[in-house]
PDB file of N, CA and C in Angstrom:
ATOM      1  N   MET A   1       0.836  -1.186   0.000  1.00  0.00           N
ATOM      2  CA  MET A   1       0.000   0.000   0.000  1.00  0.00           C
ATOM      3  C   MET A   1       0.878   1.245   0.000  1.00  0.00           C
ATOM      4  N   MET A   2       0.591   2.153  -0.933  1.00  0.00           N
ATOM      5  CA  MET A   2       1.392   3.366  -0.995  1.00  0.00           C
ATOM      6  C   MET A   2       0.632   4.494  -0.312  1.00  0.00           C
ATOM      7  N   GLY A   3       1.162   5.003   0.780  1.00  0.00           N
ATOM      8  CA  GLY A   3       0.527   6.100   1.495  1.00  0.00           C
ATOM      9  C   GLY A   3       1.303   7.377   1.303  1.00  0.00           C
ATOM     10  N   ILE A   4       0.879   8.379   2.019  1.00  0.00           N
ATOM     11  CA  ILE A   4       1.585   9.653   1.981  1.00  0.00           C
ATOM     12  C   ILE A   4       2.517   9.668   3.183  1.00  0.00           C
ATOM     13  N   THR A   5       3.781   9.847   2.933  1.00  0.00           N
ATOM     14  CA  THR A   5       4.777   9.839   3.996  1.00  0.00           C
ATOM     15  C   THR A   5       5.142  11.261   4.367  1.00  0.00           C
ATOM     16  N   MET A   6       5.141  11.543   5.663  1.00  0.00           N
ATOM     17  CA  MET A   6       5.559  12.849   6.156  1.00  0.00           C
ATOM     18  C   MET A   6       7.084  12.815   6.277  1.00  0.00           C
ATOM     19  N   ASN A   7       7.732  13.798   5.674  1.00  0.00           N
ATOM     20  CA  ASN A   7       9.185  13.901   5.733  1.00  0.00           C
ATOM     21  C   ASN A   7       9.563  15.185   6.447  1.00  0.00           C
ATOM     22  N   GLU A   8      10.774  15.221   6.975  1.00  0.00           N
ATOM     23  CA  GLU A   8      11.272  16.435   7.616  1.00  0.00           C
ATOM     24  C   GLU A   8      12.497  16.934   6.872  1.00  0.00           C
ATOM     25  N   TYR A   9      12.713  18.248   6.966  1.00  0.00           N
ATOM     26  CA  TYR A   9      13.813  18.892   6.252  1.00  0.00           C
ATOM     27  C   TYR A   9      14.315  20.040   7.109  1.00  0.00           C
ATOM     28  N   ASP A  10      15.489  20.551   6.807  1.00  0.00           N
ATOM     29  CA  ASP A  10      16.072  21.684   7.524  1.00  0.00           C
ATOM     30  C   ASP A  10      16.149  21.402   9.021  1.00  0.00           C
ATOM     31  N   GLU A  11      16.847  20.338   9.360  1.00  0.00           N
ATOM     32  CA  GLU A  11      17.058  19.939  10.755  1.00  0.00           C
ATOM     33  C   GLU A  11      15.739  19.708  11.486  1.00  0.00           C
ATOM     34  N   GLY A  12      14.747  19.191  10.759  1.00  0.00           N
ATOM     35  CA  GLY A  12      13.471  18.861  11.377  1.00  0.00           C
ATOM     36  C   GLY A  12      12.537  20.036  11.595  1.00  0.00           C
ATOM     37  N   LYS A  13      12.838  21.197  11.016  1.00  0.00           N
ATOM     38  CA  LYS A  13      12.014  22.389  11.224  1.00  0.00           C
ATOM     39  C   LYS A  13      10.923  22.535  10.155  1.00  0.00           C
ATOM     40  N   ILE A  14      11.094  21.845   9.034  1.00  0.00           N
ATOM     41  CA  ILE A  14      10.136  21.905   7.944  1.00  0.00           C
ATOM     42  C   ILE A  14       9.618  20.492   7.691  1.00  0.00           C
ATOM     43  N   TRP A  15       8.301  20.358   7.504  1.00  0.00           N
ATOM     44  CA  TRP A  15       7.739  19.069   7.101  1.00  0.00           C
ATOM     45  C   TRP A  15       7.270  19.186   5.664  1.00  0.00           C
ATOM     46  N   PHE A  16       7.294  18.063   4.977  1.00  0.00           N
ATOM     47  CA  PHE A  16       6.700  18.033   3.639  1.00  0.00           C
ATOM     48  C   PHE A  16       6.161  16.647   3.375  1.00  0.00           C
ATOM     49  N   LYS A  17       5.066  16.628   2.633  1.00  0.00           N
ATOM     50  CA  LYS A  17       4.496  15.345   2.235  1.00  0.00           C
ATOM     51  C   LYS A  17       4.172  15.405   0.756  1.00  0.00           C
ATOM     52  N   ARG A  18       4.396  14.280   0.115  1.00  0.00           N
ATOM     53  CA  ARG A  18       4.252  14.217  -1.332  1.00  0.00           C
ATOM     54  C   ARG A  18       3.073  13.329  -1.704  1.00  0.00           C
ATOM     55  N   LYS A  19       2.267  13.818  -2.626  1.00  0.00           N
ATOM     56  CA  LYS A  19       1.169  13.030  -3.186  1.00  0.00           C
ATOM     57  C   LYS A  19       1.273  13.191  -4.693  1.00  0.00           C
ATOM     58  N   GLY A  20       1.734  12.146  -5.361  1.00  0.00           N
ATOM     59  CA  GLY A  20       1.999  12.244  -6.793  1.00  0.00           C
ATOM     60  C   GLY A  20       3.143  13.209  -7.031  1.00  0.00           C
ATOM     61  N   SER A  21       2.926  14.213  -7.884  1.00  0.00           N
ATOM     62  CA  SER A  21       3.990  15.171  -8.181  1.00  0.00           C
ATOM     63  C   SER A  21       3.866  16.446  -7.342  1.00  0.00           C
ATOM     64  N   VAL A  22       2.888  16.490  -6.427  1.00  0.00           N
ATOM     65  CA  VAL A  22       2.678  17.696  -5.618  1.00  0.00           C
ATOM     66  C   VAL A  22       3.186  17.473  -4.198  1.00  0.00           C
ATOM     67  N   VAL A  23       3.990  18.421  -3.731  1.00  0.00           N
ATOM     68  CA  VAL A  23       4.569  18.360  -2.388  1.00  0.00           C
ATOM     69  C   VAL A  23       4.017  19.521  -1.570  1.00  0.00           C
ATOM     70  N   THR A  24       3.426  19.193  -0.416  1.00  0.00           N
ATOM     71  CA  THR A  24       2.893  20.194   0.511  1.00  0.00           C
ATOM     72  C   THR A  24       3.938  20.448   1.581  1.00  0.00           C
ATOM     73  N   VAL A  25       4.135  21.739   1.932  1.00  0.00           N
ATOM     74  CA  VAL A  25       5.205  22.124   2.859  1.00  0.00           C
ATOM     75  C   VAL A  25       4.643  22.950   4.011  1.00  0.00           C
ATOM     76  N   GLY A  26       5.146  22.686   5.215  1.00  0.00           N
ATOM     77  CA  GLY A  26       4.765  23.449   6.399  1.00  0.00           C
ATOM     78  C   GLY A  26       5.873  23.414   7.442  1.00  0.00           C
ATOM     79  N   LEU A  27       5.592  23.947   8.615  1.00  0.00           N
ATOM     80  CA  LEU A  27       6.587  24.017   9.683  1.00  0.00           C
ATOM     81  C   LEU A  27       6.267  23.039  10.806  1.00  0.00           C
ATOM     82  N   THR A  28       7.304  22.612  11.506  1.00  0.00           N
ATOM     83  CA  THR A  28       7.145  21.703  12.644  1.00  0.00           C
ATOM     84  C   THR A  28       7.244  22.488  13.954  1.00  0.00           C
ATOM     85  N   GLU A  29       6.946  21.805  15.031  1.00  0.00           N
ATOM     86  CA  GLU A  29       7.034  22.394  16.373  1.00  0.00           C
ATOM     87  C   GLU A  29       8.441  22.919  16.640  1.00  0.00           C
ATOM     88  N   LYS A  30       9.436  22.232  16.106  1.00  0.00           N
ATOM     89  CA  LYS A  30      10.835  22.649  16.303  1.00  0.00           C
ATOM     90  C   LYS A  30      11.075  24.050  15.734  1.00  0.00           C
ATOM     91  N   ALA A  31      10.442  24.361  14.596  1.00  0.00           N
ATOM     92  CA  ALA A  31      10.585  25.701  14.009  1.00  0.00           C
ATOM     93  C   ALA A  31       9.936  26.747  14.905  1.00  0.00           C
ATOM     94  N   PHE A  32       8.766  26.424  15.468  1.00  0.00           N
ATOM     95  CA  PHE A  32       8.069  27.398  16.316  1.00  0.00           C
ATOM     96  C   PHE A  32       8.835  27.691  17.596  1.00  0.00           C
ATOM     97  N   GLU A  33       9.590  26.705  18.094  1.00  0.00           N
ATOM     98  CA  GLU A  33      10.432  26.942  19.273  1.00  0.00           C
ATOM     99  C   GLU A  33      11.477  28.006  18.959  1.00  0.00           C
ATOM    100  N   GLU A  34      11.984  28.001  17.729  1.00  0.00           N
ATOM    101  CA  GLU A  34      12.994  28.973  17.305  1.00  0.00           C
ATOM    102  C   GLU A  34      12.370  30.344  17.027  1.00  0.00           C
ATOM    103  N   ILE A  35      11.190  30.338  16.425  1.00  0.00           N
ATOM    104  CA  ILE A  35      10.536  31.571  15.992  1.00  0.00           C
ATOM    105  C   ILE A  35       9.912  32.333  17.154  1.00  0.00           C
ATOM    106  N   GLY A  36       9.315  31.603  18.102  1.00  0.00           N
ATOM    107  CA  GLY A  36       8.483  32.237  19.117  1.00  0.00           C
ATOM    108  C   GLY A  36       7.083  32.394  18.536  1.00  0.00           C
ATOM    109  N   GLY A  37       6.300  33.284  19.065  1.00  0.00           N
ATOM    110  CA  GLY A  37       4.954  33.516  18.538  1.00  0.00           C
ATOM    111  C   GLY A  37       5.009  34.093  17.135  1.00  0.00           C
ATOM    112  N   VAL A  38       4.158  33.597  16.257  1.00  0.00           N
ATOM    113  CA  VAL A  38       4.131  34.061  14.867  1.00  0.00           C
ATOM    114  C   VAL A  38       3.505  35.445  14.793  1.00  0.00           C
ATOM    115  N   GLN A  39       4.185  36.370  14.113  1.00  0.00           N
ATOM    116  CA  GLN A  39       3.708  37.745  13.954  1.00  0.00           C
ATOM    117  C   GLN A  39       3.238  38.043  12.539  1.00  0.00           C
ATOM    118  N   ALA A  40       3.849  37.407  11.547  1.00  0.00           N
ATOM    119  CA  ALA A  40       3.496  37.652  10.151  1.00  0.00           C
ATOM    120  C   ALA A  40       4.053  36.533   9.286  1.00  0.00           C
ATOM    121  N   VAL A  41       3.462  36.397   8.107  1.00  0.00           N
ATOM    122  CA  VAL A  41       3.901  35.383   7.149  1.00  0.00           C
ATOM    123  C   VAL A  41       4.056  36.047   5.784  1.00  0.00           C
ATOM    124  N   ASN A  42       5.191  35.814   5.144  1.00  0.00           N
ATOM    125  CA  ASN A  42       5.413  36.289   3.772  1.00  0.00           C
ATOM    126  C   ASN A  42       5.371  35.073   2.865  1.00  0.00           C
ATOM    127  N   LEU A  43       4.289  34.964   2.098  1.00  0.00           N
ATOM    128  CA  LEU A  43       4.053  33.785   1.275  1.00  0.00           C
ATOM    129  C   LEU A  43       4.665  33.931  -0.116  1.00  0.00           C
ATOM    130  N   PRO A  44       4.941  32.793  -0.765  1.00  0.00           N
ATOM    131  CA  PRO A  44       5.415  32.848  -2.150  1.00  0.00           C
ATOM    132  C   PRO A  44       4.257  33.184  -3.086  1.00  0.00           C
ATOM    133  N   VAL A  45       4.539  33.294  -4.357  1.00  0.00           N
ATOM    134  CA  VAL A  45       3.535  33.597  -5.370  1.00  0.00           C
ATOM    135  C   VAL A  45       3.354  32.364  -6.242  1.00  0.00           C
ATOM    136  N   GLU A  46       2.096  32.005  -6.514  1.00  0.00           N
ATOM    137  CA  GLU A  46       1.846  30.881  -7.408  1.00  0.00           C
ATOM    138  C   GLU A  46       2.532  31.142  -8.743  1.00  0.00           C
ATOM    139  N   GLY A  47       3.181  30.107  -9.270  1.00  0.00           N
ATOM    140  CA  GLY A  47       3.884  30.236 -10.535  1.00  0.00           C
ATOM    141  C   GLY A  47       5.377  30.461 -10.368  1.00  0.00           C
ATOM    142  N   ASP A  48       5.821  30.808  -9.132  1.00  0.00           N
ATOM    143  CA  ASP A  48       7.254  30.964  -8.888  1.00  0.00           C
ATOM    144  C   ASP A  48       7.929  29.591  -8.937  1.00  0.00           C
ATOM    145  N   GLU A  49       9.133  29.562  -9.490  1.00  0.00           N
ATOM    146  CA  GLU A  49       9.909  28.329  -9.526  1.00  0.00           C
ATOM    147  C   GLU A  49      11.075  28.442  -8.563  1.00  0.00           C
ATOM    148  N   PHE A  50      11.384  27.337  -7.904  1.00  0.00           N
ATOM    149  CA  PHE A  50      12.471  27.313  -6.933  1.00  0.00           C
ATOM    150  C   PHE A  50      13.317  26.076  -7.123  1.00  0.00           C
ATOM    151  N   THR A  51      14.590  26.192  -6.745  1.00  0.00           N
ATOM    152  CA  THR A  51      15.434  25.013  -6.678  1.00  0.00           C
ATOM    153  C   THR A  51      15.515  24.609  -5.204  1.00  0.00           C
ATOM    154  N   GLN A  52      15.992  23.412  -4.966  1.00  0.00           N
ATOM    155  CA  GLN A  52      16.104  22.925  -3.597  1.00  0.00           C
ATOM    156  C   GLN A  52      16.944  23.891  -2.770  1.00  0.00           C
ATOM    157  N   ASP A  53      16.487  24.171  -1.557  1.00  0.00           N
ATOM    158  CA  ASP A  53      17.143  25.054  -0.583  1.00  0.00           C
ATOM    159  C   ASP A  53      16.970  26.545  -0.867  1.00  0.00           C
ATOM    160  N   ASP A  54      16.208  26.918  -1.903  1.00  0.00           N
ATOM    161  CA  ASP A  54      15.862  28.330  -2.092  1.00  0.00           C
ATOM    162  C   ASP A  54      14.896  28.755  -0.996  1.00  0.00           C
ATOM    163  N   VAL A  55      14.971  30.018  -0.601  1.00  0.00           N
ATOM    164  CA  VAL A  55      14.010  30.562   0.363  1.00  0.00           C
ATOM    165  C   VAL A  55      12.704  30.825  -0.386  1.00  0.00           C
ATOM    166  N   VAL A  56      11.633  30.177   0.068  1.00  0.00           N
ATOM    167  CA  VAL A  56      10.345  30.270  -0.610  1.00  0.00           C
ATOM    168  C   VAL A  56       9.385  31.184   0.151  1.00  0.00           C
ATOM    169  N   ALA A  57       9.469  31.182   1.477  1.00  0.00           N
ATOM    170  CA  ALA A  57       8.577  31.992   2.310  1.00  0.00           C
ATOM    171  C   ALA A  57       9.328  32.387   3.573  1.00  0.00           C
ATOM    172  N   GLU A  58       8.765  33.340   4.308  1.00  0.00           N
ATOM    173  CA  GLU A  58       9.344  33.749   5.590  1.00  0.00           C
ATOM    174  C   GLU A  58       8.243  33.835   6.624  1.00  0.00           C
ATOM    175  N   VAL A  59       8.576  33.421   7.834  1.00  0.00           N
ATOM    176  CA  VAL A  59       7.648  33.535   8.956  1.00  0.00           C
ATOM    177  C   VAL A  59       8.330  34.410  10.001  1.00  0.00           C
ATOM    178  N   GLU A  60       7.707  35.554  10.286  1.00  0.00           N
ATOM    179  CA  GLU A  60       8.254  36.476  11.280  1.00  0.00           C
ATOM    180  C   GLU A  60       7.676  36.132  12.643  1.00  0.00           C
ATOM    181  N   GLY A  61       8.578  36.038  13.623  1.00  0.00           N
ATOM    182  CA  GLY A  61       8.150  35.674  14.968  1.00  0.00           C
ATOM    183  C   GLY A  61       8.684  36.622  16.009  1.00  0.00           C
ATOM    184  N   ASP A  62       8.379  36.301  17.259  1.00  0.00           N
ATOM    185  CA  ASP A  62       8.848  37.116  18.386  1.00  0.00           C
ATOM    186  C   ASP A  62      10.368  37.112  18.481  1.00  0.00           C
ATOM    187  N   HIS A  63      10.981  35.961  18.233  1.00  0.00           N
ATOM    188  CA  HIS A  63      12.424  35.808  18.431  1.00  0.00           C
ATOM    189  C   HIS A  63      13.232  36.018  17.156  1.00  0.00           C
ATOM    190  N   SER A  64      12.680  35.609  16.019  1.00  0.00           N
ATOM    191  CA  SER A  64      13.455  35.670  14.782  1.00  0.00           C
ATOM    192  C   SER A  64      12.540  35.545  13.567  1.00  0.00           C
ATOM    193  N   THR A  65      13.121  35.784  12.411  1.00  0.00           N
ATOM    194  CA  THR A  65      12.427  35.532  11.152  1.00  0.00           C
ATOM    195  C   THR A  65      12.966  34.215  10.608  1.00  0.00           C
ATOM    196  N   PHE A  66      12.062  33.293  10.330  1.00  0.00           N
ATOM    197  CA  PHE A  66      12.438  31.966   9.865  1.00  0.00           C
ATOM    198  C   PHE A  66      12.263  31.893   8.361  1.00  0.00           C
ATOM    199  N   GLU A  67      13.303  31.487   7.662  1.00  0.00           N
ATOM    200  CA  GLU A  67      13.240  31.326   6.215  1.00  0.00           C
ATOM    201  C   GLU A  67      12.801  29.897   5.896  1.00  0.00           C
ATOM    202  N   VAL A  68      11.679  29.777   5.206  1.00  0.00           N
ATOM    203  CA  VAL A  68      11.167  28.472   4.803  1.00  0.00           C
ATOM    204  C   VAL A  68      11.809  28.131   3.461  1.00  0.00           C
ATOM    205  N   ILE A  69      12.628  27.090   3.457  1.00  0.00           N
ATOM    206  CA  ILE A  69      13.336  26.724   2.237  1.00  0.00           C
ATOM    207  C   ILE A  69      12.644  25.551   1.547  1.00  0.00           C
ATOM    208  N   ALA A  70      12.822  25.483   0.246  1.00  0.00           N
ATOM    209  CA  ALA A  70      12.209  24.419  -0.548  1.00  0.00           C
ATOM    210  C   ALA A  70      12.933  23.095  -0.290  1.00  0.00           C
ATOM    211  N   PRO A  71      12.186  22.064   0.131  1.00  0.00           N
ATOM    212  CA  PRO A  71      12.819  20.757   0.349  1.00  0.00           C
ATOM    213  C   PRO A  71      13.166  20.060  -0.968  1.00  0.00           C
ATOM    214  N   LEU A  72      12.494  20.463  -2.047  1.00  0.00           N
ATOM    215  CA  LEU A  72      12.745  19.932  -3.384  1.00  0.00           C
ATOM    216  C   LEU A  72      12.571  21.063  -4.389  1.00  0.00           C
ATOM    217  N   ALA A  73      13.147  20.917  -5.566  1.00  0.00           N
ATOM    218  CA  ALA A  73      12.947  21.896  -6.635  1.00  0.00           C
ATOM    219  C   ALA A  73      11.545  21.747  -7.194  1.00  0.00           C
ATOM    220  N   GLY A  74      10.943  22.863  -7.596  1.00  0.00           N
ATOM    221  CA  GLY A  74       9.622  22.766  -8.192  1.00  0.00           C
ATOM    222  C   GLY A  74       8.986  24.112  -8.456  1.00  0.00           C
ATOM    223  N   LEU A  75       7.729  24.053  -8.873  1.00  0.00           N
ATOM    224  CA  LEU A  75       6.926  25.214  -9.229  1.00  0.00           C
ATOM    225  C   LEU A  75       5.811  25.360  -8.205  1.00  0.00           C
ATOM    226  N   VAL A  76       5.657  26.559  -7.637  1.00  0.00           N
ATOM    227  CA  VAL A  76       4.595  26.790  -6.654  1.00  0.00           C
ATOM    228  C   VAL A  76       3.246  26.720  -7.377  1.00  0.00           C
ATOM    229  N   VAL A  77       2.408  25.757  -6.966  1.00  0.00           N
ATOM    230  CA  VAL A  77       1.102  25.573  -7.605  1.00  0.00           C
ATOM    231  C   VAL A  77      -0.045  25.998  -6.693  1.00  0.00           C
ATOM    232  N   SER A  78       0.234  26.176  -5.398  1.00  0.00           N
ATOM    233  CA  SER A  78      -0.812  26.590  -4.471  1.00  0.00           C
ATOM    234  C   SER A  78      -0.170  27.251  -3.256  1.00  0.00           C
ATOM    235  N   VAL A  79      -0.824  28.296  -2.776  1.00  0.00           N
ATOM    236  CA  VAL A  79      -0.359  29.026  -1.592  1.00  0.00           C
ATOM    237  C   VAL A  79      -1.525  29.093  -0.617  1.00  0.00           C
ATOM    238  N   ASN A  80      -1.266  28.878   0.650  1.00  0.00           N
ATOM    239  CA  ASN A  80      -2.320  28.910   1.658  1.00  0.00           C
ATOM    240  C   ASN A  80      -2.636  30.361   2.021  1.00  0.00           C
ATOM    241  N   GLU A  81      -3.481  30.996   1.208  1.00  0.00           N
ATOM    242  CA  GLU A  81      -3.828  32.418   1.387  1.00  0.00           C
ATOM    243  C   GLU A  81      -4.512  32.681   2.732  1.00  0.00           C
ATOM    244  N   THR A  82      -5.118  31.650   3.313  1.00  0.00           N
ATOM    245  CA  THR A  82      -5.777  31.797   4.616  1.00  0.00           C
ATOM    246  C   THR A  82      -4.801  32.327   5.661  1.00  0.00           C
ATOM    247  N   LEU A  83      -3.513  32.007   5.498  1.00  0.00           N
ATOM    248  CA  LEU A  83      -2.513  32.430   6.477  1.00  0.00           C
ATOM    249  C   LEU A  83      -2.337  33.945   6.504  1.00  0.00           C
ATOM    250  N   ASN A  84      -2.709  34.634   5.422  1.00  0.00           N
ATOM    251  CA  ASN A  84      -2.621  36.098   5.430  1.00  0.00           C
ATOM    252  C   ASN A  84      -3.549  36.706   6.477  1.00  0.00           C
ATOM    253  N   GLU A  85      -4.724  36.100   6.665  1.00  0.00           N
ATOM    254  CA  GLU A  85      -5.673  36.616   7.653  1.00  0.00           C
ATOM    255  C   GLU A  85      -5.526  35.915   9.001  1.00  0.00           C
ATOM    256  N   ASP A  86      -5.149  34.640   8.978  1.00  0.00           N
ATOM    257  CA  ASP A  86      -5.117  33.841  10.204  1.00  0.00           C
ATOM    258  C   ASP A  86      -3.797  33.081  10.297  1.00  0.00           C
ATOM    259  N   PHE A  87      -2.697  33.830  10.483  1.00  0.00           N
ATOM    260  CA  PHE A  87      -1.390  33.171  10.506  1.00  0.00           C
ATOM    261  C   PHE A  87      -1.190  32.299  11.737  1.00  0.00           C
ATOM    262  N   GLU A  88      -2.092  32.418  12.717  1.00  0.00           N
ATOM    263  CA  GLU A  88      -2.000  31.553  13.899  1.00  0.00           C
ATOM    264  C   GLU A  88      -2.282  30.091  13.557  1.00  0.00           C
ATOM    265  N   LEU A  89      -2.922  29.852  12.405  1.00  0.00           N
ATOM    266  CA  LEU A  89      -3.132  28.470  11.946  1.00  0.00           C
ATOM    267  C   LEU A  89      -1.805  27.734  11.801  1.00  0.00           C
ATOM    268  N   LEU A  90      -0.759  28.470  11.480  1.00  0.00           N
ATOM    269  CA  LEU A  90       0.571  27.859  11.363  1.00  0.00           C
ATOM    270  C   LEU A  90       0.913  27.077  12.619  1.00  0.00           C
ATOM    271  N   GLU A  91       0.641  27.683  13.778  1.00  0.00           N
ATOM    272  CA  GLU A  91       0.962  27.052  15.054  1.00  0.00           C
ATOM    273  C   GLU A  91      -0.140  26.144  15.570  1.00  0.00           C
ATOM    274  N   SER A  92      -1.406  26.559  15.399  1.00  0.00           N
ATOM    275  CA  SER A  92      -2.503  25.797  15.987  1.00  0.00           C
ATOM    276  C   SER A  92      -2.799  24.501  15.230  1.00  0.00           C
ATOM    277  N   ASP A  93      -2.522  24.458  13.939  1.00  0.00           N
ATOM    278  CA  ASP A  93      -2.791  23.267  13.140  1.00  0.00           C
ATOM    279  C   ASP A  93      -1.717  23.099  12.064  1.00  0.00           C
ATOM    280  N   PRO A  94      -0.448  22.989  12.484  1.00  0.00           N
ATOM    281  CA  PRO A  94       0.663  23.035  11.522  1.00  0.00           C
ATOM    282  C   PRO A  94       0.685  21.896  10.508  1.00  0.00           C
ATOM    283  N   LEU A  95       0.149  20.736  10.851  1.00  0.00           N
ATOM    284  CA  LEU A  95       0.256  19.586   9.959  1.00  0.00           C
ATOM    285  C   LEU A  95      -0.962  19.410   9.056  1.00  0.00           C
ATOM    286  N   ASP A  96      -1.947  20.306   9.180  1.00  0.00           N
ATOM    287  CA  ASP A  96      -3.138  20.164   8.351  1.00  0.00           C
ATOM    288  C   ASP A  96      -3.494  21.514   7.737  1.00  0.00           C
ATOM    289  N   GLU A  97      -4.310  22.301   8.404  1.00  0.00           N
ATOM    290  CA  GLU A  97      -4.760  23.588   7.859  1.00  0.00           C
ATOM    291  C   GLU A  97      -3.644  24.630   7.795  1.00  0.00           C
ATOM    292  N   GLY A  98      -2.558  24.411   8.536  1.00  0.00           N
ATOM    293  CA  GLY A  98      -1.476  25.387   8.597  1.00  0.00           C
ATOM    294  C   GLY A  98      -0.362  25.175   7.588  1.00  0.00           C
ATOM    295  N   TRP A  99      -0.623  24.387   6.535  1.00  0.00           N
ATOM    296  CA  TRP A  99       0.395  24.225   5.487  1.00  0.00           C
ATOM    297  C   TRP A  99       0.682  25.591   4.863  1.00  0.00           C
ATOM    298  N   ILE A 100       1.860  25.742   4.262  1.00  0.00           N
ATOM    299  CA  ILE A 100       2.258  27.055   3.732  1.00  0.00           C
ATOM    300  C   ILE A 100       2.117  27.122   2.211  1.00  0.00           C
ATOM    301  N   PHE A 101       2.697  26.165   1.511  1.00  0.00           N
ATOM    302  CA  PHE A 101       2.617  26.181   0.047  1.00  0.00           C
ATOM    303  C   PHE A 101       2.731  24.769  -0.489  1.00  0.00           C
ATOM    304  N   LYS A 102       2.359  24.633  -1.764  1.00  0.00           N
ATOM    305  CA  LYS A 102       2.485  23.359  -2.461  1.00  0.00           C
ATOM    306  C   LYS A 102       3.281  23.598  -3.735  1.00  0.00           C
ATOM    307  N   ILE A 103       4.203  22.675  -4.009  1.00  0.00           N
ATOM    308  CA  ILE A 103       4.985  22.769  -5.236  1.00  0.00           C
ATOM    309  C   ILE A 103       4.798  21.500  -6.066  1.00  0.00           C
ATOM    310  N   ARG A 104       4.837  21.684  -7.382  1.00  0.00           N
ATOM    311  CA  ARG A 104       4.835  20.534  -8.281  1.00  0.00           C
ATOM    312  C   ARG A 104       6.287  20.272  -8.632  1.00  0.00           C
ATOM    313  N   VAL A 105       6.715  19.044  -8.377  1.00  0.00           N
ATOM    314  CA  VAL A 105       8.114  18.689  -8.635  1.00  0.00           C
ATOM    315  C   VAL A 105       8.217  17.932  -9.953  1.00  0.00           C
ATOM    316  N   PRO A 106       9.348  18.098 -10.641  1.00  0.00           N
ATOM    317  CA  PRO A 106       9.548  17.356 -11.890  1.00  0.00           C
ATOM    318  C   PRO A 106       9.545  15.852 -11.626  1.00  0.00           C
ATOM    319  N   LYS A 107       9.117  15.084 -12.589  1.00  0.00           N
ATOM    320  CA  LYS A 107       9.096  13.621 -12.440  1.00  0.00           C
ATOM    321  C   LYS A 107      10.500  13.136 -12.113  1.00  0.00           C
ATOM    322  N   GLY A 108      10.584  12.277 -11.117  1.00  0.00           N
ATOM    323  CA  GLY A 108      11.884  11.738 -10.715  1.00  0.00           C
ATOM    324  C   GLY A 108      12.556  12.547  -9.614  1.00  0.00           C
ATOM    325  N   GLU A 109      12.150  13.813  -9.426  1.00  0.00           N
ATOM    326  CA  GLU A 109      12.764  14.667  -8.407  1.00  0.00           C
ATOM    327  C   GLU A 109      12.293  14.221  -7.026  1.00  0.00           C
ATOM    328  N   GLY A 110      13.219  13.783  -6.204  1.00  0.00           N
ATOM    329  CA  GLY A 110      12.882  13.421  -4.826  1.00  0.00           C
ATOM    330  C   GLY A 110      12.035  12.178  -4.697  1.00  0.00           C
ATOM    331  N   ASP A 111      11.958  11.358  -5.734  1.00  0.00           N
ATOM    332  CA  ASP A 111      11.183  10.119  -5.637  1.00  0.00           C
ATOM    333  C   ASP A 111      11.808   9.228  -4.570  1.00  0.00           C
ATOM    334  N   THR A 112      10.989   8.810  -3.632  1.00  0.00           N
ATOM    335  CA  THR A 112      11.514   7.960  -2.568  1.00  0.00           C
ATOM    336  C   THR A 112      10.674   6.703  -2.394  1.00  0.00           C
ATOM    337  N   GLU A 113       9.661   6.509  -3.247  1.00  0.00           N
ATOM    338  CA  GLU A 113       8.766   5.363  -3.076  1.00  0.00           C
ATOM    339  C   GLU A 113       9.534   4.050  -3.059  1.00  0.00           C
ATOM    340  N   ASP A 114      10.523   3.904  -3.956  1.00  0.00           N
ATOM    341  CA  ASP A 114      11.274   2.648  -4.011  1.00  0.00           C
ATOM    342  C   ASP A 114      12.064   2.421  -2.732  1.00  0.00           C
ATOM    343  N   GLU A 115      12.591   3.505  -2.160  1.00  0.00           N
ATOM    344  CA  GLU A 115      13.367   3.367  -0.930  1.00  0.00           C
ATOM    345  C   GLU A 115      12.472   3.077   0.264  1.00  0.00           C
ATOM    346  N   GLN A 116      11.197   3.467   0.190  1.00  0.00           N
ATOM    347  CA  GLN A 116      10.278   3.312   1.317  1.00  0.00           C
ATOM    348  C   GLN A 116       9.701   1.899   1.409  1.00  0.00           C
ATOM    349  N   ASP A 117       9.720   1.157   0.309  1.00  0.00           N
ATOM    350  CA  ASP A 117       9.129  -0.190   0.324  1.00  0.00           C
ATOM    351  C   ASP A 117       9.945  -1.109   1.225  1.00  0.00           C
ATOM    352  N   GLU A 118       9.291  -1.622   2.242  1.00  0.00           N
ATOM    353  CA  GLU A 118      10.003  -2.517   3.173  1.00  0.00           C
ATOM    354  C   GLU A 118       9.131  -3.704   3.499  1.00  0.00           C
TER     355      GLU A 118
END
């Protein structure tokens, strides 16, 4: 059975999950410990292309500004616009409603299904 696997990136501060060629990206509790309370979110623009480790978004917090980097290269296909009005969703529901952006990755980029079969 092939499910959706949650992966971590950037020392466990960013989570991403892949479904087909689309990868959803958000922050983990570890990132919020570094940021403090979220004050603002700077989202990417749909249609922007990024390579792996490019800064795609920024989350401004009490302690610091956290740069959200792309775990894989791809094209931004969806942005969670809800975060502009309710950025607290990032912290209150980080693994579901608090996702930040979705990218479409090229075929073969970051494919891990074969490595996951056990």
